[in-house]
Each structure stands twice: as C-alpha cells, then as structure tokens.
Amino acid sequence: MPENLKSMQKWFGLLTGLGKDPNSLASWDYEFFDPDPNKLRDLCGKLDANGYTFKKLRRDGGSISVHPGWVLTVEEVATHTPRSMVVVIDKFESLTKESGIELLCGYEMNRPPKRAKVRKPWGPLWDAAIAKLAAKQTQIAAAFPTCELDEFFKRATGGTGLFTSWLPFLSMPVNGSSVFLTDMRHGPTDDGLKVELEPGQYRVEFRGFVRGADRRCARLRAYREGSKPELGKSIGTVSTDLATLGFYDPKSFQPLKRRGSEQFFEWGESAFDTSKSSHGVLIHNLKKSAILPYVTSGFGDGTYPVFELTQQKRRIGFEVEFISEAAARQRAA
C-alpha cells in the first residue's frame, strides 16, 4: 500500500495548508474481492469482531480481476493520521492473507455522518444483499437467451425434412462497428473473422439439422432487428479446432481485451459452461453488453463459409453455414 500512503500524506498536507482539519473528513471505505462469496462471508465475521461495519455486497463480472467474483465493502468511521492509517491497512492485509482474499483499495475519503452510525448485525445485511443480487441477476439474464435451443436439443421443433426453421437464440446490442467470429477452445481466441456491421440491436438465430436422435447446428445468423435479411455474397471463412464458434462485439470487450489475448482467453475458459456445451452465452459485463454467444459447429471441427446478410444492398448481418444441403443429404443417405 505504499502508493496509498504517499497519496494520503499529500492529501493531509494539502488540507492542512488550506487551514482545514484533515481528520474532519474521516470516513473510509474498504473493498475486498474474491471469486467465492463464502470466503467473504467468513471474512465478515472477522471484520465484525474488529469493529468494522458491513456496508454492501456486489457482483463483479470480471472488470476488477480476470475472473468474475464478489466485492465486499466495509465502512470505518474514525479519525486518522497517516501513521494510524498504516496500522489499519496492515490489519486488513493480514486478514486477507489468512483467507487468500484480495484487498482492492486502501481508503476512500468521504464526509463523516452527522451522528455516529448504529452498528447492525452483519448477517441479515449479507443475506439481504445476496437475495437482491440473485433477483437482479435472474431478471437481467432472462432477457438475453431464449429457451428454444434448449428445447431443440431435447427434441426437434419446427421445420420440415432435415432442417428446422430459424429458431431464436438471443437479442444482443452491437455498440461498435463490427463483430468478431472466434474459434473457441473453450475461451475466445485470436483466430477468426472480423465482420463489419453498423451499431444497433441484433437478433441471433439458429437453424438446426435433425436426423433421428441427431440434432446439430446447421446455420447461425445475426441481423439487425426489424430488417428482412437476404443471403448475400461470401465474405470469408471461419475455422474451429474444437467444433465451437462464438462471436462478440470487440468494443464492448475493450477493457478486458486491453489486458491481452491470454487473459481474454482465460476469462472465457473460466466462464464456459460445460453442461451446455451445444450452445450458450458467456457473460462478462451485462451493463456494457459484453456478452459472447457460442454454438457447436455442424458435424465437428473444420472450415466454414460466412455470408453477408443484406437488405436493399446494405449489409445488415452475417450468416455461417456449418452444414450444407449436400452434406445433410449425404449424412442422411
């Protein structure tokens, strides 16, 4: 915490020079991060025993650390000098070392309350915070993927012959000027194809191949909501090594991608749900639309053509062909 101490000493000196008492601004917030909420819950008991007050709990999708996790904020109302603040920070660091929990920040200065806060038991506050976050996560996540693909892989739905009609997958915004189709192993890689698109809300759909009990992804497309897409020219190919293709809006993932390809891959690998290997949506930050839908690719790994979708000669989406009609007939023969 040497940087925190240095900046705090500078802040104390500035206020003193202005004729103000630096100890009058004496409320500090401390934050602790860990992927496991139960470790933070155990830490609450230790903090409570040391006189620190539970303030709030929030879910972090990976903006703080590479992996998603939980952030616990506790509040201390006290007066400090730089020297006494070091004692507090050392105490927190010793608690976090014992538990393997990350201390995010040393302090944050706010005006103290007009009267001392009455300490409340941290247990009910923790339970209320967990319930609130669980309800919020359920409401937000439900707005993204639909259940049609889950049903498809249980049984064939819609369409005739070897292919289904187009099944809805999800609706997602594109904030930048392109999307990137990426080979998943299981995290996103730099191997893929960039497709230029206009910003807007995009509808993602899936067309299934059905042969007896065999159900696979035949085609995947995304197009601007409200438009009527027509299949256009080929704009390239994509390849997969583990038969899984995903795509994402690079602009929405900028904060994570700045950390490098390896950390971007590690995040995707940790978020990958092996119980839904046929399809799914990796969620990094819902508020910033940083999500990554993925599907399995046809009959397995390989190289697949990508076509543009147009309306009045204007590109409004893309479509990937995993199983051609010829390949489907050959498979069914």
Protein backbone atom coordinates (compact mmCIF):
# COMPACT_ATOMS: atom_id res chain seq x y z
CA MET A 1 0.00 0.00 0.00
CA PRO A 2 2.93 2.49 -0.41
CA GLU A 3 1.10 4.43 -3.15
CA ASN A 4 -1.96 4.82 -0.94
CA LEU A 5 0.16 6.10 1.94
CA LYS A 6 2.01 8.56 -0.28
CA SER A 7 -1.18 9.99 -1.81
CA MET A 8 -2.81 10.18 1.63
CA GLN A 9 0.12 12.11 3.10
CA LYS A 10 -0.09 14.56 0.19
CA TRP A 11 -3.84 14.94 0.79
CA PHE A 12 -3.34 15.59 4.53
CA GLY A 13 -0.69 18.18 3.74
CA LEU A 14 -2.90 19.97 1.20
CA LEU A 15 -5.80 20.30 3.64
CA THR A 16 -3.54 21.47 6.43
CA GLY A 17 -2.11 24.13 4.12
CA LEU A 18 -5.63 25.37 3.42
CA GLY A 19 -6.30 25.73 7.13
CA LYS A 20 -8.61 22.71 7.30
CA ASP A 21 -8.53 19.79 9.66
CA PRO A 22 -7.86 16.68 7.57
CA ASN A 23 -9.31 14.49 10.33
CA SER A 24 -12.74 16.09 9.81
CA LEU A 25 -13.09 14.07 6.61
CA ALA A 26 -12.80 10.76 8.35
CA SER A 27 -14.91 8.06 6.70
CA TRP A 28 -13.11 5.38 4.72
CA ASP A 29 -14.47 2.54 2.59
CA TYR A 30 -12.51 -0.65 2.07
CA GLU A 31 -13.26 -3.27 -0.57
CA PHE A 32 -12.37 -6.95 -0.66
CA PHE A 33 -12.61 -9.21 -3.73
CA ASP A 34 -12.85 -12.97 -4.10
CA PRO A 35 -14.49 -15.38 -6.61
CA ASP A 36 -16.01 -17.32 -3.68
CA PRO A 37 -18.72 -15.40 -1.74
CA ASN A 38 -18.44 -17.85 1.17
CA LYS A 39 -14.87 -16.71 1.84
CA LEU A 40 -16.11 -13.12 2.04
CA ARG A 41 -18.90 -14.21 4.36
CA ASP A 42 -16.34 -15.76 6.71
CA LEU A 43 -14.29 -12.55 6.48
CA CYS A 44 -17.37 -10.58 7.62
CA GLY A 45 -17.21 -12.31 10.99
CA LYS A 46 -13.54 -11.37 11.45
CA LEU A 47 -14.17 -7.77 10.39
CA ASP A 48 -17.17 -7.54 12.70
CA ALA A 49 -15.03 -8.77 15.59
CA ASN A 50 -12.56 -5.96 14.81
CA GLY A 51 -15.29 -3.30 14.85
CA TYR A 52 -15.84 -2.79 11.12
CA THR A 53 -19.33 -2.30 9.67
CA PHE A 54 -20.80 -4.24 6.72
CA LYS A 55 -21.79 -1.73 4.03
CA LYS A 56 -22.67 -3.56 0.81
CA LEU A 57 -22.00 -6.54 -1.44
CA ARG A 58 -21.91 -6.57 -5.22
CA ARG A 59 -21.26 -9.00 -8.06
CA ASP A 60 -18.36 -8.27 -10.42
CA GLY A 61 -18.32 -9.84 -13.87
CA GLY A 62 -14.56 -9.63 -14.30
CA SER A 63 -13.84 -5.90 -14.59
CA ILE A 64 -11.72 -5.94 -11.40
CA SER A 65 -9.99 -9.28 -11.77
CA VAL A 66 -9.65 -11.65 -14.71
CA HIS A 67 -12.28 -13.93 -13.20
CA PRO A 68 -15.80 -12.94 -12.12
CA GLY A 69 -16.35 -12.72 -8.39
CA TRP A 70 -17.75 -10.77 -5.44
CA VAL A 71 -16.86 -7.42 -3.86
CA LEU A 72 -17.48 -6.76 -0.16
CA THR A 73 -17.43 -3.15 1.06
CA VAL A 74 -16.99 -2.33 4.73
CA GLU A 75 -17.03 1.09 6.32
CA GLU A 76 -15.00 2.57 9.10
CA VAL A 77 -15.85 5.88 10.76
CA ALA A 78 -12.79 7.12 12.63
CA THR A 79 -10.15 9.84 12.72
CA HIS A 80 -6.71 9.00 11.41
CA THR A 81 -3.26 10.31 10.80
CA PRO A 82 -1.18 8.78 8.02
CA ARG A 83 0.63 6.67 10.62
CA SER A 84 -2.55 5.30 12.20
CA MET A 85 -3.98 4.59 8.74
CA VAL A 86 -1.00 2.32 8.01
CA VAL A 87 -1.93 0.30 11.11
CA VAL A 88 -5.46 -0.20 9.75
CA ILE A 89 -4.21 -1.19 6.31
CA ASP A 90 -1.69 -3.64 7.83
CA LYS A 91 -4.51 -5.21 9.85
CA PHE A 92 -6.65 -5.64 6.72
CA GLU A 93 -3.76 -7.10 4.78
CA SER A 94 -3.10 -9.66 7.50
CA LEU A 95 -6.79 -10.70 7.46
CA THR A 96 -6.81 -11.04 3.66
CA LYS A 97 -3.56 -13.01 3.62
CA GLU A 98 -5.05 -15.52 6.04
CA SER A 99 -8.07 -16.01 3.77
CA GLY A 100 -6.38 -15.51 0.39
CA ILE A 101 -8.73 -12.59 -0.37
CA GLU A 102 -7.71 -9.56 -2.41
CA LEU A 103 -7.79 -6.09 -0.78
CA LEU A 104 -8.84 -3.78 -3.61
CA CYS A 105 -8.16 -0.35 -2.16
CA GLY A 106 -6.75 1.22 0.97
CA TYR A 107 -9.17 4.02 1.55
CA GLU A 108 -11.66 6.42 0.09
CA MET A 109 -12.33 9.75 1.79
CA ASN A 110 -15.88 10.94 2.39
CA ARG A 111 -17.52 13.38 4.76
CA PRO A 112 -18.39 11.68 8.06
CA PRO A 113 -22.04 11.33 9.08
CA LYS A 114 -23.52 13.97 11.36
CA ARG A 115 -24.07 11.37 14.03
CA ALA A 116 -22.40 8.05 14.72
CA LYS A 117 -23.96 5.14 12.91
CA VAL A 118 -25.63 2.45 14.98
CA ARG A 119 -23.94 -0.84 14.22
CA LYS A 120 -26.26 -3.52 12.88
CA PRO A 121 -25.58 -7.28 12.78
CA TRP A 122 -23.84 -8.07 9.50
CA GLY A 123 -25.62 -11.41 8.98
CA PRO A 124 -29.08 -10.07 7.94
CA LEU A 125 -27.43 -7.37 5.80
CA TRP A 126 -25.40 -10.02 3.97
CA ASP A 127 -28.46 -12.23 3.39
CA ALA A 128 -30.47 -9.25 2.08
CA ALA A 129 -27.64 -8.27 -0.28
CA ILE A 130 -27.35 -11.84 -1.63
CA ALA A 131 -31.13 -12.05 -2.21
CA LYS A 132 -31.17 -8.69 -4.00
CA LEU A 133 -28.27 -9.62 -6.27
CA ALA A 134 -29.76 -13.04 -7.07
CA ALA A 135 -33.07 -11.46 -8.09
CA LYS A 136 -31.29 -8.87 -10.23
CA GLN A 137 -29.14 -11.47 -11.98
CA THR A 138 -32.18 -13.62 -12.76
CA GLN A 139 -34.13 -10.69 -14.22
CA ILE A 140 -31.26 -9.45 -16.38
CA ALA A 141 -30.07 -12.82 -17.67
CA ALA A 142 -33.58 -13.91 -18.66
CA ALA A 143 -33.79 -11.04 -21.15
CA PHE A 144 -30.93 -12.44 -23.24
CA PRO A 145 -31.07 -16.09 -24.37
CA THR A 146 -34.35 -17.82 -25.23
CA CYS A 147 -35.19 -21.43 -24.40
CA GLU A 148 -35.86 -22.60 -27.98
CA LEU A 149 -32.38 -24.07 -28.41
CA ASP A 150 -32.65 -25.98 -25.14
CA GLU A 151 -35.87 -27.46 -26.44
CA PHE A 152 -34.35 -28.20 -29.85
CA PHE A 153 -31.57 -30.30 -28.37
CA LYS A 154 -34.18 -32.24 -26.39
CA ARG A 155 -36.36 -32.80 -29.44
CA ALA A 156 -36.83 -31.44 -32.97
CA THR A 157 -39.06 -28.36 -33.13
CA GLY A 158 -40.41 -26.68 -36.27
CA GLY A 159 -39.36 -27.01 -39.90
CA THR A 160 -39.62 -29.97 -42.26
CA GLY A 161 -37.19 -32.55 -43.52
CA LEU A 162 -33.57 -32.41 -42.35
CA PHE A 163 -33.57 -28.74 -41.30
CA THR A 164 -35.66 -26.79 -38.80
CA SER A 165 -36.96 -23.30 -39.43
CA TRP A 166 -34.93 -20.46 -37.93
CA LEU A 167 -35.04 -20.69 -34.13
CA PRO A 168 -34.46 -17.59 -31.94
CA PHE A 169 -31.29 -17.70 -29.83
CA LEU A 170 -30.98 -14.24 -28.28
CA SER A 171 -31.12 -10.48 -28.85
CA MET A 172 -27.93 -8.52 -28.31
CA PRO A 173 -26.64 -4.99 -28.96
CA VAL A 174 -23.59 -4.18 -31.07
CA ASN A 175 -22.02 -0.96 -29.81
CA GLY A 176 -19.04 -0.83 -32.14
CA SER A 177 -18.65 -1.08 -35.91
CA SER A 178 -18.03 -4.84 -36.17
CA VAL A 179 -18.28 -8.25 -34.57
CA PHE A 180 -15.56 -10.89 -34.38
CA LEU A 181 -16.31 -14.56 -35.08
CA THR A 182 -13.91 -16.52 -32.89
CA ASP A 183 -12.76 -20.11 -32.64
CA MET A 184 -13.47 -21.27 -29.05
CA ARG A 185 -11.01 -23.59 -27.25
CA HIS A 186 -13.00 -23.13 -24.84
CA GLY A 187 -12.11 -19.49 -24.40
CA PRO A 188 -12.16 -16.98 -27.28
CA THR A 189 -9.02 -16.88 -29.45
CA ASP A 190 -7.47 -14.51 -31.97
CA ASP A 191 -8.36 -16.97 -34.75
CA GLY A 192 -11.50 -15.92 -36.59
CA LEU A 193 -13.10 -13.39 -38.90
CA LYS A 194 -13.99 -9.72 -38.41
CA VAL A 195 -17.35 -8.73 -39.91
CA GLU A 196 -18.10 -5.03 -40.34
CA LEU A 197 -21.58 -4.12 -39.06
CA GLU A 198 -23.47 -0.99 -38.10
CA PRO A 199 -24.22 -0.43 -34.40
CA GLY A 200 -27.68 -1.49 -33.27
CA GLN A 201 -29.75 -4.28 -31.74
CA TYR A 202 -29.21 -7.65 -33.41
CA ARG A 203 -31.35 -10.77 -33.46
CA VAL A 204 -29.36 -14.02 -33.34
CA GLU A 205 -30.95 -17.13 -34.82
CA PHE A 206 -30.06 -20.79 -35.23
CA ARG A 207 -31.13 -23.38 -37.80
CA GLY A 208 -30.93 -27.00 -36.70
CA PHE A 209 -30.12 -30.24 -38.50
CA VAL A 210 -32.29 -33.21 -37.46
CA ARG A 211 -31.69 -36.86 -38.29
CA GLY A 212 -33.38 -39.27 -35.89
CA ALA A 213 -31.97 -38.52 -32.45
CA ASP A 214 -29.12 -36.49 -34.01
CA ARG A 215 -29.50 -32.71 -33.52
CA ARG A 216 -26.86 -30.22 -34.60
CA CYS A 217 -26.35 -26.58 -35.53
CA ALA A 218 -26.66 -26.24 -39.31
CA ARG A 219 -26.53 -22.44 -39.66
CA LEU A 220 -26.10 -19.41 -37.41
CA ARG A 221 -27.05 -15.86 -38.30
CA ALA A 222 -27.34 -12.41 -36.74
CA TYR A 223 -29.14 -9.44 -38.30
CA ARG A 224 -30.48 -6.06 -37.26
CA GLU A 225 -33.84 -6.34 -35.56
CA GLY A 226 -36.72 -5.12 -37.72
CA SER A 227 -34.95 -5.88 -41.00
CA LYS A 228 -35.69 -8.60 -43.59
CA PRO A 229 -32.37 -10.32 -44.33
CA GLU A 230 -31.43 -11.80 -47.69
CA LEU A 231 -28.44 -14.10 -48.16
CA GLY A 232 -25.64 -12.23 -49.93
CA LYS A 233 -22.11 -12.94 -51.10
CA SER A 234 -19.44 -14.89 -49.25
CA ILE A 235 -17.24 -12.63 -47.10
CA GLY A 236 -14.76 -15.20 -45.81
CA THR A 237 -14.42 -18.37 -43.77
CA VAL A 238 -14.04 -19.35 -40.12
CA SER A 239 -12.31 -22.41 -38.73
CA THR A 240 -12.75 -24.27 -35.44
CA ASP A 241 -10.45 -26.81 -33.76
CA LEU A 242 -12.88 -27.95 -31.05
CA ALA A 243 -16.13 -27.59 -33.04
CA THR A 244 -17.29 -24.47 -31.20
CA LEU A 245 -17.73 -20.98 -32.68
CA GLY A 246 -18.58 -17.79 -30.81
CA PHE A 247 -18.83 -14.12 -31.69
CA TYR A 248 -18.69 -10.83 -29.82
CA ASP A 249 -18.59 -7.05 -30.15
CA PRO A 250 -14.92 -6.02 -29.68
CA LYS A 251 -15.87 -2.53 -28.48
CA SER A 252 -17.89 -3.93 -25.56
CA PHE A 253 -14.90 -6.06 -24.51
CA GLN A 254 -12.25 -3.33 -24.78
CA PRO A 255 -11.48 -3.10 -21.02
CA LEU A 256 -10.84 -6.86 -20.83
CA LYS A 257 -9.04 -7.16 -24.18
CA ARG A 258 -6.57 -4.43 -23.17
CA ARG A 259 -5.18 -6.94 -20.68
CA GLY A 260 -4.11 -9.18 -23.55
CA SER A 261 -5.26 -12.22 -25.50
CA GLU A 262 -4.19 -14.67 -22.81
CA GLN A 263 -6.32 -13.08 -20.10
CA PHE A 264 -9.25 -12.73 -22.53
CA PHE A 265 -8.98 -16.46 -23.24
CA GLU A 266 -8.68 -17.34 -19.54
CA TRP A 267 -11.82 -15.34 -18.75
CA GLY A 268 -13.78 -17.18 -21.47
CA GLU A 269 -12.46 -20.56 -20.36
CA SER A 270 -13.48 -19.89 -16.74
CA ALA A 271 -16.95 -18.67 -17.82
CA PHE A 272 -17.58 -21.59 -20.19
CA ASP A 273 -20.42 -23.83 -19.03
CA THR A 274 -19.54 -27.40 -19.94
CA SER A 275 -23.07 -28.55 -19.02
CA LYS A 276 -24.39 -26.56 -22.02
CA SER A 277 -21.63 -27.37 -24.49
CA SER A 278 -24.00 -27.32 -27.50
CA HIS A 279 -24.67 -23.59 -27.09
CA GLY A 280 -24.60 -20.83 -24.51
CA VAL A 281 -23.78 -17.21 -23.70
CA LEU A 282 -20.65 -16.14 -21.82
CA ILE A 283 -21.38 -13.01 -19.79
CA HIS A 284 -18.60 -10.62 -18.78
CA ASN A 285 -20.44 -7.35 -18.13
CA LEU A 286 -24.18 -7.10 -18.81
CA LYS A 287 -24.33 -3.34 -18.29
CA LYS A 288 -21.79 -2.81 -21.07
CA SER A 289 -23.25 -5.58 -23.28
CA ALA A 290 -20.03 -7.59 -23.04
CA ILE A 291 -21.51 -11.00 -23.87
CA LEU A 292 -20.32 -13.82 -26.12
CA PRO A 293 -22.84 -16.31 -27.58
CA TYR A 294 -21.46 -19.58 -28.94
CA VAL A 295 -22.69 -22.77 -30.68
CA THR A 296 -21.22 -26.09 -31.70
CA SER A 297 -20.30 -26.30 -35.38
CA GLY A 298 -22.18 -28.78 -37.52
CA PHE A 299 -20.57 -32.20 -37.75
CA GLY A 300 -17.41 -31.12 -35.94
CA ASP A 301 -14.27 -29.06 -36.39
CA GLY A 302 -13.47 -27.64 -39.81
CA THR A 303 -13.63 -24.54 -42.00
CA TYR A 304 -16.99 -22.93 -42.78
CA PRO A 305 -18.16 -20.19 -45.16
CA VAL A 306 -19.54 -16.90 -43.87
CA PHE A 307 -22.03 -14.86 -45.93
CA GLU A 308 -23.27 -11.33 -45.53
CA LEU A 309 -26.95 -10.67 -44.97
CA THR A 310 -28.31 -7.69 -46.87
CA GLN A 311 -31.38 -5.54 -47.29
CA GLN A 312 -31.56 -3.24 -50.30
CA LYS A 313 -27.86 -3.97 -50.98
CA ARG A 314 -26.89 -2.83 -47.49
CA ARG A 315 -25.19 -5.23 -45.06
CA ILE A 316 -27.38 -5.82 -42.02
CA GLY A 317 -25.87 -9.05 -40.66
CA PHE A 318 -23.95 -12.28 -41.31
CA GLU A 319 -24.69 -15.99 -41.64
CA VAL A 320 -22.41 -19.00 -41.06
CA GLU A 321 -23.09 -22.29 -42.86
CA PHE A 322 -22.00 -25.30 -40.81
CA ILE A 323 -23.98 -27.96 -42.71
CA SER A 324 -24.78 -27.55 -46.41
CA GLU A 325 -27.78 -29.20 -48.05
CA ALA A 326 -25.42 -31.56 -49.91
CA ALA A 327 -23.69 -32.58 -46.66
CA ALA A 328 -27.06 -33.07 -44.96
CA ARG A 329 -28.31 -35.36 -47.76
CA GLN A 330 -25.10 -37.33 -47.70
CA ARG A 331 -25.40 -37.76 -43.94
CA ALA A 332 -29.00 -38.91 -44.27
CA ALA A 333 -28.28 -41.39 -47.08
